[in-house]
Amino acid sequence: MLTVDYDRLGIRRGMRVLDLGAGFGRHAFATAAKGAHVIATDLAIDEMRSTKDTFAAMHVDGQLPPGISATCIQADGGRLPFPDRCFDRIIASEVLEHVPDDLGVMAELFRVLAPGGRLAATVPAAIPEQICWWLNDDYHAPAAVGGHVRIYHKPELRTKLASVGFVPAESHRSHALHSPYWWLKCAVGLENDTNPLVKAYLKFLTWDITNAPPLTRRADRLLNPILGKSLVMYADRPAMAGAVDPIVPTPCAAAVCAS
């Protein structure tokens, strides 16, 4: 299930897209399927290997448009191995809440985004996230190694993006039906997967993701402004003055992750 709205992100065929903190690749796969060249990056090498294998399977099954490149790289968001103005679009989904130096990562994203390009940054929404923190200290850092280190309120995210040069634009919330699942997990114990309520709700979410029935999709949309688990904010890098095409065709360095 995707968190980013691709219509608002404005991905077009042939664009170069960075998926920072791609994990197991859900946004990277959708991006490549739309005909954009994608580089998926993450610090977790096992997840990058899995994403690389899925890209290979998509290629064999004909799920990738001809000529599209899909690459996986293990990389640190604070020190990205790419030239300036390299990408037309960037997705950073559920990444910034994990890193102590979020401003450093935002500055790197601004550096590698082409003038006229757009960033989609998603973070846990403040109220659903705060409830998780109240319910269980093991949900977040320091108890959870590599876990969430901060709770973002929308004004803070806008201010921080603007401070490194971005022009924040529209925002929305996603995944309202996922919030109660995490509240249940925090209430009964994050490792307690045998709890009947947790099992039942996970079964419901799996069914909802697989089938996307109109009733639950409508309920999710209606509840998102209040309960949406993720805050999605779009931000632009201003175009260069006098440029006809805001996309700067700088080639991106790439290397396939180790197998």
Protein backbone atom coordinates (compact mmCIF):
# COMPACT_ATOMS: atom_id res chain seq x y z
CA MET A 1 0.00 0.00 0.00
CA LEU A 2 1.46 3.32 -1.11
CA THR A 3 1.69 6.34 1.19
CA VAL A 4 2.62 8.93 -1.45
CA ASP A 5 0.04 10.32 -3.88
CA TYR A 6 1.70 9.93 -7.28
CA ASP A 7 -0.62 12.47 -8.91
CA ARG A 8 0.60 15.14 -6.49
CA LEU A 9 4.22 14.03 -6.85
CA GLY A 10 3.87 14.36 -10.63
CA ILE A 11 6.07 11.51 -11.83
CA ARG A 12 6.35 11.30 -15.62
CA ARG A 13 7.88 8.68 -17.85
CA GLY A 14 11.66 8.97 -18.16
CA MET A 15 12.16 10.96 -14.94
CA ARG A 16 14.96 10.07 -12.53
CA VAL A 17 13.60 9.26 -9.08
CA LEU A 18 15.36 8.61 -5.77
CA ASP A 19 13.55 6.47 -3.19
CA LEU A 20 15.41 7.20 0.06
CA GLY A 21 14.92 4.61 2.80
CA ALA A 22 13.19 2.37 0.28
CA GLY A 23 13.08 -0.67 2.56
CA PHE A 24 11.52 -3.56 0.68
CA GLY A 25 10.71 -1.29 -2.24
CA ARG A 26 6.97 -0.60 -2.33
CA HIS A 27 7.35 2.95 -3.69
CA ALA A 28 10.34 2.01 -5.86
CA PHE A 29 8.34 -0.72 -7.61
CA ALA A 30 5.39 1.59 -8.27
CA THR A 31 7.75 4.29 -9.57
CA ALA A 32 9.48 1.96 -12.02
CA ALA A 33 6.16 0.56 -13.21
CA LYS A 34 5.16 4.12 -14.15
CA GLY A 35 8.13 4.36 -16.49
CA ALA A 36 10.55 6.37 -14.35
CA HIS A 37 14.19 5.45 -13.74
CA VAL A 38 14.48 4.70 -10.02
CA ILE A 39 17.33 4.31 -7.57
CA ALA A 40 16.28 2.71 -4.29
CA THR A 41 18.55 3.40 -1.32
CA ASP A 42 18.58 2.11 2.23
CA LEU A 43 21.11 1.39 4.97
CA ALA A 44 19.70 -2.14 5.39
CA ILE A 45 21.58 -4.28 2.87
CA ASP A 46 19.26 -7.29 3.28
CA GLU A 47 16.28 -5.15 2.28
CA MET A 48 18.19 -3.81 -0.71
CA ARG A 49 19.01 -7.35 -1.82
CA SER A 50 15.35 -8.31 -1.56
CA THR A 51 14.31 -5.23 -3.54
CA LYS A 52 16.92 -6.01 -6.19
CA ASP A 53 15.55 -9.56 -6.53
CA THR A 54 12.01 -8.24 -6.90
CA PHE A 55 13.12 -5.79 -9.60
CA ALA A 56 14.71 -8.73 -11.45
CA ALA A 57 11.47 -10.72 -11.20
CA MET A 58 9.45 -7.73 -12.43
CA HIS A 59 11.76 -7.48 -15.43
CA VAL A 60 11.38 -11.19 -16.25
CA ASP A 61 7.58 -10.95 -15.91
CA GLY A 62 7.41 -7.89 -18.19
CA GLN A 63 6.16 -5.59 -15.44
CA LEU A 64 8.78 -2.91 -16.16
CA PRO A 65 8.52 -0.67 -19.23
CA PRO A 66 11.29 -1.21 -21.80
CA GLY A 67 14.45 0.81 -21.22
CA ILE A 68 13.70 1.63 -17.58
CA SER A 69 16.57 1.31 -15.11
CA ALA A 70 15.91 0.15 -11.55
CA THR A 71 18.88 0.17 -9.21
CA CYS A 72 19.49 -0.59 -5.52
CA ILE A 73 22.24 1.05 -3.47
CA GLN A 74 23.12 0.83 0.21
CA ALA A 75 23.54 4.47 1.19
CA ASP A 76 23.37 6.89 4.10
CA GLY A 77 20.84 9.70 3.65
CA GLY A 78 23.24 12.15 5.24
CA ARG A 79 25.99 11.41 2.69
CA LEU A 80 24.34 10.51 -0.58
CA PRO A 81 26.70 9.21 -3.32
CA PHE A 82 25.14 11.28 -6.10
CA PRO A 83 26.03 14.52 -7.91
CA ASP A 84 24.21 17.79 -7.33
CA ARG A 85 20.83 18.27 -9.06
CA CYS A 86 20.67 14.62 -10.02
CA PHE A 87 17.01 13.61 -9.53
CA ASP A 88 13.74 14.95 -10.89
CA ARG A 89 11.70 13.57 -7.99
CA ILE A 90 12.53 12.21 -4.53
CA ILE A 91 10.51 10.02 -2.19
CA ALA A 92 11.56 9.86 1.48
CA SER A 93 8.90 7.74 3.14
CA GLU A 94 9.05 7.11 6.91
CA VAL A 95 12.75 8.02 7.10
CA LEU A 96 13.22 11.40 8.78
CA GLU A 97 11.76 10.32 12.13
CA HIS A 98 14.58 7.76 12.45
CA VAL A 99 17.62 10.00 11.93
CA PRO A 100 19.12 12.25 14.62
CA ASP A 101 20.31 14.82 12.06
CA ASP A 102 17.13 15.27 10.06
CA LEU A 103 18.20 18.71 8.82
CA GLY A 104 21.38 17.17 7.40
CA VAL A 105 19.34 14.61 5.46
CA MET A 106 16.94 17.28 4.21
CA ALA A 107 19.91 19.37 3.02
CA GLU A 108 21.28 16.35 1.12
CA LEU A 109 17.89 15.76 -0.51
CA PHE A 110 17.78 19.41 -1.57
CA ARG A 111 21.31 19.12 -3.00
CA VAL A 112 20.55 16.12 -5.22
CA LEU A 113 17.12 17.35 -6.38
CA ALA A 114 17.08 19.19 -9.70
CA PRO A 115 15.70 22.75 -9.86
CA GLY A 116 11.99 22.45 -10.54
CA GLY A 117 11.95 19.02 -8.88
CA ARG A 118 9.64 17.84 -6.13
CA LEU A 119 10.13 15.92 -2.88
CA ALA A 120 7.50 13.79 -1.16
CA ALA A 121 8.41 13.33 2.51
CA THR A 122 6.27 11.17 4.78
CA VAL A 123 6.52 10.90 8.57
CA PRO A 124 4.24 9.50 11.28
CA ALA A 125 1.44 11.97 11.99
CA ALA A 126 1.70 13.61 15.41
CA ILE A 127 -1.42 12.46 17.28
CA PRO A 128 -1.43 8.77 16.26
CA GLU A 129 2.32 8.66 16.90
CA GLN A 130 2.02 10.32 20.31
CA ILE A 131 -0.52 7.71 21.39
CA CYS A 132 1.95 4.95 20.49
CA TRP A 133 4.67 6.70 22.54
CA TRP A 134 2.30 7.02 25.53
CA LEU A 135 1.25 3.37 25.36
CA ASN A 136 4.65 1.75 25.07
CA ASP A 137 8.18 3.07 25.66
CA ASP A 138 9.59 0.17 23.62
CA TYR A 139 7.95 1.59 20.47
CA HIS A 140 10.49 4.40 20.08
CA ALA A 141 14.13 5.27 20.75
CA PRO A 142 16.14 4.82 22.86
CA ALA A 143 14.52 1.49 23.80
CA ALA A 144 13.94 0.66 20.12
CA VAL A 145 17.37 0.68 18.50
CA GLY A 146 17.05 2.58 15.23
CA GLY A 147 13.51 3.54 16.18
CA HIS A 148 11.71 6.87 16.01
CA VAL A 149 13.65 9.68 17.65
CA ARG A 150 11.08 12.49 17.31
CA ILE A 151 7.42 13.26 16.72
CA TYR A 152 6.76 15.73 13.90
CA HIS A 153 4.00 18.27 13.96
CA LYS A 154 3.16 19.64 10.52
CA PRO A 155 4.48 23.19 11.17
CA GLU A 156 7.84 21.78 12.29
CA LEU A 157 8.23 19.67 9.16
CA ARG A 158 7.33 22.65 6.95
CA THR A 159 9.78 24.92 8.78
CA LYS A 160 12.65 22.46 8.60
CA LEU A 161 12.15 21.78 4.88
CA ALA A 162 12.02 25.52 4.21
CA SER A 163 15.20 26.11 6.23
CA VAL A 164 17.29 24.05 3.78
CA GLY A 165 15.81 25.70 0.67
CA PHE A 166 12.63 23.77 -0.15
CA VAL A 167 9.33 25.49 -0.82
CA PRO A 168 6.76 23.40 1.10
CA ALA A 169 3.52 22.80 -0.78
CA GLU A 170 0.40 20.78 -0.06
CA SER A 171 0.12 17.95 2.46
CA HIS A 172 -2.30 15.19 3.40
CA ARG A 173 -2.66 12.19 5.71
CA SER A 174 -2.69 8.48 4.79
CA HIS A 175 -3.51 5.07 6.31
CA ALA A 176 -6.12 5.94 8.93
CA LEU A 177 -7.11 2.29 9.29
CA HIS A 178 -3.54 1.41 10.27
CA SER A 179 -3.45 3.61 13.38
CA PRO A 180 -5.63 1.36 15.59
CA TYR A 181 -3.46 -1.63 14.70
CA TRP A 182 -0.35 0.07 16.11
CA TRP A 183 -2.25 1.25 19.18
CA LEU A 184 -3.27 -2.36 19.82
CA LYS A 185 0.30 -3.56 19.32
CA CYS A 186 1.63 -0.98 21.75
CA ALA A 187 -1.08 -1.76 24.31
CA VAL A 188 -0.58 -5.55 24.41
CA GLY A 189 3.18 -5.64 23.68
CA LEU A 190 4.98 -5.09 20.41
CA GLU A 191 6.15 -8.71 20.26
CA ASN A 192 2.76 -10.16 21.21
CA ASP A 193 1.57 -11.28 17.77
CA THR A 194 -0.67 -14.00 19.23
CA ASN A 195 -3.09 -11.59 20.90
CA PRO A 196 -6.57 -12.29 19.42
CA LEU A 197 -7.34 -8.61 18.77
CA VAL A 198 -3.98 -8.04 17.08
CA LYS A 199 -4.40 -11.16 14.93
CA ALA A 200 -7.93 -10.20 13.94
CA TYR A 201 -7.02 -6.63 13.03
CA LEU A 202 -3.98 -7.75 11.04
CA LYS A 203 -6.19 -10.17 9.13
CA PHE A 204 -8.56 -7.30 8.37
CA LEU A 205 -5.72 -5.02 7.18
CA THR A 206 -4.30 -7.76 4.96
CA TRP A 207 -7.73 -8.34 3.43
CA ASP A 208 -8.21 -4.59 2.94
CA ILE A 209 -4.81 -4.12 1.26
CA THR A 210 -5.31 -7.14 -0.99
CA ASN A 211 -8.88 -6.42 -2.06
CA ALA A 212 -9.20 -2.62 -1.64
CA PRO A 213 -13.01 -2.76 -1.24
CA PRO A 214 -14.79 0.55 -1.93
CA LEU A 215 -16.35 0.70 1.56
CA THR A 216 -13.08 0.55 3.50
CA ARG A 217 -11.26 2.78 0.98
CA ARG A 218 -13.98 5.39 1.50
CA ALA A 219 -13.77 5.00 5.28
CA ASP A 220 -9.99 5.42 5.13
CA ARG A 221 -10.31 8.64 3.10
CA LEU A 222 -12.91 10.07 5.48
CA LEU A 223 -10.87 9.22 8.57
CA ASN A 224 -7.48 10.28 7.22
CA PRO A 225 -7.68 13.94 8.31
CA ILE A 226 -8.13 12.78 11.93
CA LEU A 227 -6.57 9.33 12.26
CA GLY A 228 -4.20 9.12 9.28
CA LYS A 229 -1.05 7.31 10.46
CA SER A 230 1.25 9.14 8.03
CA LEU A 231 1.67 12.81 7.22
CA VAL A 232 2.72 13.33 3.59
CA MET A 233 4.23 16.68 2.66
CA TYR A 234 5.31 17.78 -0.81
CA ALA A 235 8.05 20.37 -1.27
CA ASP A 236 9.64 21.89 -4.35
CA ARG A 237 13.10 23.06 -5.28
CA PRO A 238 12.62 26.39 -7.08
CA ALA A 239 13.35 26.36 -10.80
CA MET A 240 16.40 28.22 -12.07
CA ALA A 241 15.62 31.73 -13.30
CA GLY A 242 15.11 31.84 -17.05
CA ALA A 243 15.18 28.06 -17.49
CA VAL A 244 12.81 26.70 -20.14
CA ASP A 245 12.87 23.17 -18.76
CA PRO A 246 13.29 23.04 -14.98
CA ILE A 247 14.74 19.54 -15.16
CA VAL A 248 18.54 19.57 -15.26
CA PRO A 249 19.76 16.49 -17.18
CA THR A 250 22.67 15.62 -14.90
CA PRO A 251 23.43 11.87 -15.01
CA CYS A 252 23.17 10.01 -11.70
CA ALA A 253 25.94 7.74 -10.54
CA ALA A 254 24.63 4.26 -9.73
CA ALA A 255 25.85 0.89 -8.60
CA VAL A 256 23.80 -2.28 -8.11
CA CYS A 257 23.91 -3.50 -4.51
CA ALA A 258 25.96 -6.54 -3.64
CA SER A 259 24.25 -9.91 -3.86
